[in-house]
Amino acid sequence: MTPATTPTQITPLVLQMSPAIEVTDDQFFELCHLNRNLRIERTAKGELVIMPPTGSETGNRNFDLIVQLGIWARQDGTGIGFDSSTGFTLPNGAIKSSDAAWIQLKRWQNISPEQQVKFAPICPDFIVELHSKSDNLQPLKAKLQEYIDNGTSLGWLIDRKNCQVYIYRPQQEVECLDNPSTLNGEPILPDFVLNLSTIW
């Protein structure tokens, strides 16, 4: 019998760019466009963070998450959803992407079509990060807090490895739920309930 193996923890590659190289927003967009097989983010300090593609199992769980959010968003009609390939330019200059995001329609319509085409200068109202068994949890916690600090109203960090969910809200302590079966998006996402049975 072959012994079970522990998933290798994946550590993103961080490239220090400044002050030697200053990558503009347009250059960063083109860089990401040329390397679509990678997930590339930019920190507020100008560092480039390069991550490999998501594993198949995590990708499947993320797909289910997006389907649930997408069905609700279409029925609700007050905002639009985004998948993990979407980058947003935060007020602090960082360009981040989350596993799923949602933005109020009136806020989205306040930015120009030209801005919408690229990494839109807007912080999502709601974001979700799915922690896979090979991810380092601490950077994801810092990422959720960065979103909150830049204007996100609700963030969920779903830790599949430990069956826990960390809930982030502005000016509140992070709430940790142990093995919840559902998550309620009120009041940011009215009537949205995420079923976690297919996520764990």
Protein backbone atom coordinates (compact mmCIF):
# COMPACT_ATOMS: atom_id res chain seq x y z
CA MET A 1 0.00 0.00 0.00
CA THR A 2 1.40 3.37 -1.04
CA PRO A 3 1.57 5.85 1.87
CA ALA A 4 -0.43 9.06 1.55
CA THR A 5 1.59 12.07 0.55
CA THR A 6 1.26 15.57 1.93
CA PRO A 7 0.67 18.21 -0.77
CA THR A 8 3.73 20.34 -1.42
CA GLN A 9 3.15 23.92 -0.32
CA ILE A 10 3.23 26.29 -3.26
CA THR A 11 5.13 29.52 -2.69
CA PRO A 12 4.58 32.38 -5.17
CA LEU A 13 7.62 33.87 -6.90
CA VAL A 14 8.12 37.51 -5.89
CA LEU A 15 10.14 39.75 -8.22
CA GLN A 16 11.57 42.99 -6.84
CA MET A 17 11.29 45.59 -9.61
CA SER A 18 11.61 49.10 -8.15
CA PRO A 19 13.69 51.24 -8.42
CA ALA A 20 15.57 49.43 -11.22
CA ILE A 21 12.46 48.93 -13.35
CA GLU A 22 9.19 50.85 -13.13
CA VAL A 23 6.39 48.84 -14.73
CA THR A 24 3.49 51.05 -15.85
CA ASP A 25 -0.13 49.92 -15.62
CA ASP A 26 -0.27 49.41 -19.40
CA GLN A 27 2.98 47.41 -19.41
CA PHE A 28 1.74 45.24 -16.57
CA PHE A 29 -1.50 44.58 -18.42
CA GLU A 30 0.43 43.49 -21.53
CA LEU A 31 2.74 41.30 -19.42
CA CYS A 32 -0.26 39.47 -17.98
CA HIS A 33 -1.83 39.20 -21.43
CA LEU A 34 1.33 37.54 -22.80
CA ASN A 35 1.50 35.09 -19.87
CA ARG A 36 -2.10 33.97 -19.50
CA ASN A 37 -1.03 30.61 -18.10
CA LEU A 38 0.24 32.41 -14.98
CA ARG A 39 -1.57 34.41 -12.32
CA ILE A 40 0.40 37.62 -11.85
CA GLU A 41 -0.34 40.32 -9.31
CA ARG A 42 1.40 43.57 -8.41
CA THR A 43 1.89 44.74 -4.84
CA ALA A 44 1.51 48.32 -3.64
CA LYS A 45 5.35 48.47 -3.58
CA GLY A 46 5.58 47.51 -7.26
CA GLU A 47 6.70 43.90 -6.70
CA LEU A 48 5.44 41.28 -9.15
CA VAL A 49 3.94 38.17 -7.56
CA ILE A 50 3.82 35.18 -9.91
CA MET A 51 1.73 32.11 -9.11
CA PRO A 52 1.32 28.86 -11.05
CA PRO A 53 -2.08 27.74 -12.35
CA THR A 54 -4.54 26.34 -9.82
CA GLY A 55 -4.63 22.56 -9.32
CA SER A 56 -7.52 20.67 -10.89
CA GLU A 57 -9.35 19.88 -7.64
CA THR A 58 -9.23 23.47 -6.41
CA GLY A 59 -10.25 24.69 -9.87
CA ASN A 60 -13.33 22.48 -9.71
CA ARG A 61 -14.31 23.80 -6.26
CA ASN A 62 -13.76 27.36 -7.46
CA PHE A 63 -15.96 26.70 -10.48
CA ASP A 64 -18.80 25.63 -8.19
CA LEU A 65 -18.31 28.75 -6.08
CA ILE A 66 -18.50 30.99 -9.16
CA VAL A 67 -21.59 29.19 -10.47
CA GLN A 68 -23.44 29.80 -7.19
CA LEU A 69 -22.41 33.46 -7.06
CA GLY A 70 -23.16 33.94 -10.76
CA ILE A 71 -26.69 32.52 -10.55
CA TRP A 72 -27.47 34.79 -7.60
CA ALA A 73 -25.91 37.86 -9.27
CA ARG A 74 -27.95 37.38 -12.44
CA GLN A 75 -31.19 36.97 -10.50
CA ASP A 76 -30.42 39.87 -8.14
CA GLY A 77 -29.40 42.30 -10.88
CA THR A 78 -27.84 44.96 -8.64
CA GLY A 79 -24.24 44.09 -9.47
CA ILE A 80 -21.92 41.98 -11.59
CA GLY A 81 -19.60 39.10 -10.77
CA PHE A 82 -16.04 38.33 -11.82
CA ASP A 83 -13.91 35.18 -11.93
CA SER A 84 -10.34 34.48 -10.83
CA SER A 85 -8.77 35.79 -14.04
CA THR A 86 -9.93 39.36 -13.31
CA GLY A 87 -7.50 41.95 -12.00
CA PHE A 88 -8.48 45.10 -10.13
CA THR A 89 -6.33 48.16 -9.43
CA LEU A 90 -6.80 49.02 -5.76
CA PRO A 91 -6.54 52.57 -4.35
CA ASN A 92 -3.09 51.77 -2.89
CA GLY A 93 -1.76 50.96 -6.39
CA ALA A 94 -1.74 47.17 -6.00
CA ILE A 95 -3.27 45.07 -8.77
CA LYS A 96 -4.98 42.00 -7.30
CA SER A 97 -7.25 39.20 -8.42
CA SER A 98 -9.46 37.02 -6.23
CA ASP A 99 -11.12 33.67 -6.85
CA ALA A 100 -14.49 35.43 -7.17
CA ALA A 101 -15.64 39.02 -6.81
CA TRP A 102 -18.78 41.14 -7.03
CA ILE A 103 -19.25 44.88 -7.61
CA GLN A 104 -22.37 47.02 -7.33
CA LEU A 105 -23.61 47.91 -10.81
CA LYS A 106 -23.82 51.65 -10.06
CA ARG A 107 -20.15 51.69 -9.00
CA TRP A 108 -19.07 49.72 -12.06
CA GLN A 109 -20.93 52.09 -14.38
CA ASN A 110 -19.08 55.06 -12.85
CA ILE A 111 -15.80 54.01 -14.47
CA SER A 112 -15.12 54.46 -18.17
CA PRO A 113 -15.36 51.65 -20.76
CA GLU A 114 -11.62 52.08 -21.39
CA GLN A 115 -10.92 51.43 -17.70
CA GLN A 116 -13.28 48.45 -17.61
CA VAL A 117 -11.37 46.73 -20.42
CA LYS A 118 -8.12 46.60 -18.42
CA PHE A 119 -7.48 46.17 -14.68
CA ALA A 120 -10.26 48.47 -13.58
CA PRO A 121 -9.41 51.05 -10.89
CA ILE A 122 -12.04 49.83 -8.46
CA CYS A 123 -12.06 47.73 -5.30
CA PRO A 124 -14.74 45.00 -5.32
CA ASP A 125 -17.55 45.20 -2.76
CA PHE A 126 -17.21 41.46 -2.12
CA ILE A 127 -14.40 38.99 -2.69
CA VAL A 128 -13.73 35.30 -2.01
CA GLU A 129 -10.41 33.50 -1.74
CA LEU A 130 -10.32 29.71 -1.77
CA HIS A 131 -7.39 28.27 0.19
CA SER A 132 -6.19 25.01 -1.35
CA LYS A 133 -4.27 22.37 0.57
CA SER A 134 -1.03 23.49 -1.08
CA ASP A 135 -1.45 27.23 -0.42
CA ASN A 136 0.21 29.17 2.39
CA LEU A 137 -2.65 30.58 4.48
CA GLN A 138 -0.89 33.65 5.91
CA PRO A 139 -0.40 35.54 2.62
CA LEU A 140 -4.08 34.99 1.84
CA LYS A 141 -5.06 36.46 5.22
CA ALA A 142 -2.92 39.51 4.47
CA LYS A 143 -4.50 39.76 1.02
CA LEU A 144 -8.02 39.73 2.47
CA GLN A 145 -7.08 42.46 4.92
CA GLU A 146 -5.59 44.52 2.10
CA TYR A 147 -8.87 44.32 0.21
CA ILE A 148 -10.78 45.47 3.30
CA ASP A 149 -8.33 48.33 3.89
CA ASN A 150 -8.91 49.48 0.30
CA GLY A 151 -12.70 49.47 0.37
CA THR A 152 -14.08 45.92 0.18
CA SER A 153 -17.17 45.53 2.39
CA LEU A 154 -17.13 41.75 2.80
CA GLY A 155 -14.45 39.13 2.25
CA TRP A 156 -14.51 35.36 2.71
CA LEU A 157 -11.37 33.27 3.04
CA ILE A 158 -12.40 29.63 2.71
CA ASP A 159 -9.79 27.30 4.20
CA ARG A 160 -10.55 23.89 2.70
CA LYS A 161 -7.64 22.23 4.47
CA ASN A 162 -9.02 22.94 7.95
CA CYS A 163 -12.71 23.37 7.04
CA GLN A 164 -12.75 26.92 8.37
CA VAL A 165 -13.98 30.23 6.98
CA TYR A 166 -12.52 33.62 7.90
CA ILE A 167 -14.96 36.50 7.45
CA TYR A 168 -13.52 39.98 6.93
CA ARG A 169 -15.50 43.22 7.38
CA PRO A 170 -14.38 46.85 7.75
CA GLN A 171 -13.62 47.98 11.30
CA GLN A 172 -14.45 44.57 12.77
CA GLU A 173 -12.44 41.67 14.13
CA VAL A 174 -11.97 38.78 11.73
CA GLU A 175 -14.60 36.11 12.42
CA CYS A 176 -13.63 32.42 12.13
CA LEU A 177 -16.29 29.77 11.53
CA ASP A 178 -15.58 26.07 12.04
CA ASN A 179 -16.98 23.75 9.38
CA PRO A 180 -20.04 25.82 8.41
CA SER A 181 -22.45 24.27 5.91
CA THR A 182 -23.45 27.62 4.40
CA LEU A 183 -22.35 31.27 4.31
CA ASN A 184 -24.78 34.19 4.31
CA GLY A 185 -23.88 37.26 2.25
CA GLU A 186 -26.20 39.70 4.06
CA PRO A 187 -26.31 42.67 3.95
CA ILE A 188 -23.80 43.16 1.10
CA LEU A 189 -25.26 40.32 -1.00
CA PRO A 190 -29.00 40.23 -0.15
CA ASP A 191 -30.43 36.68 -0.05
CA PHE A 192 -27.16 35.10 -1.25
CA VAL A 193 -26.35 31.87 0.58
CA LEU A 194 -23.27 29.91 -0.45
CA ASN A 195 -23.66 26.14 -0.06
CA LEU A 196 -20.29 24.80 1.09
CA SER A 197 -21.12 21.09 0.75
CA THR A 198 -19.54 20.97 -2.72
CA ILE A 199 -16.69 23.32 -1.77
CA TRP A 200 -15.14 21.35 1.10
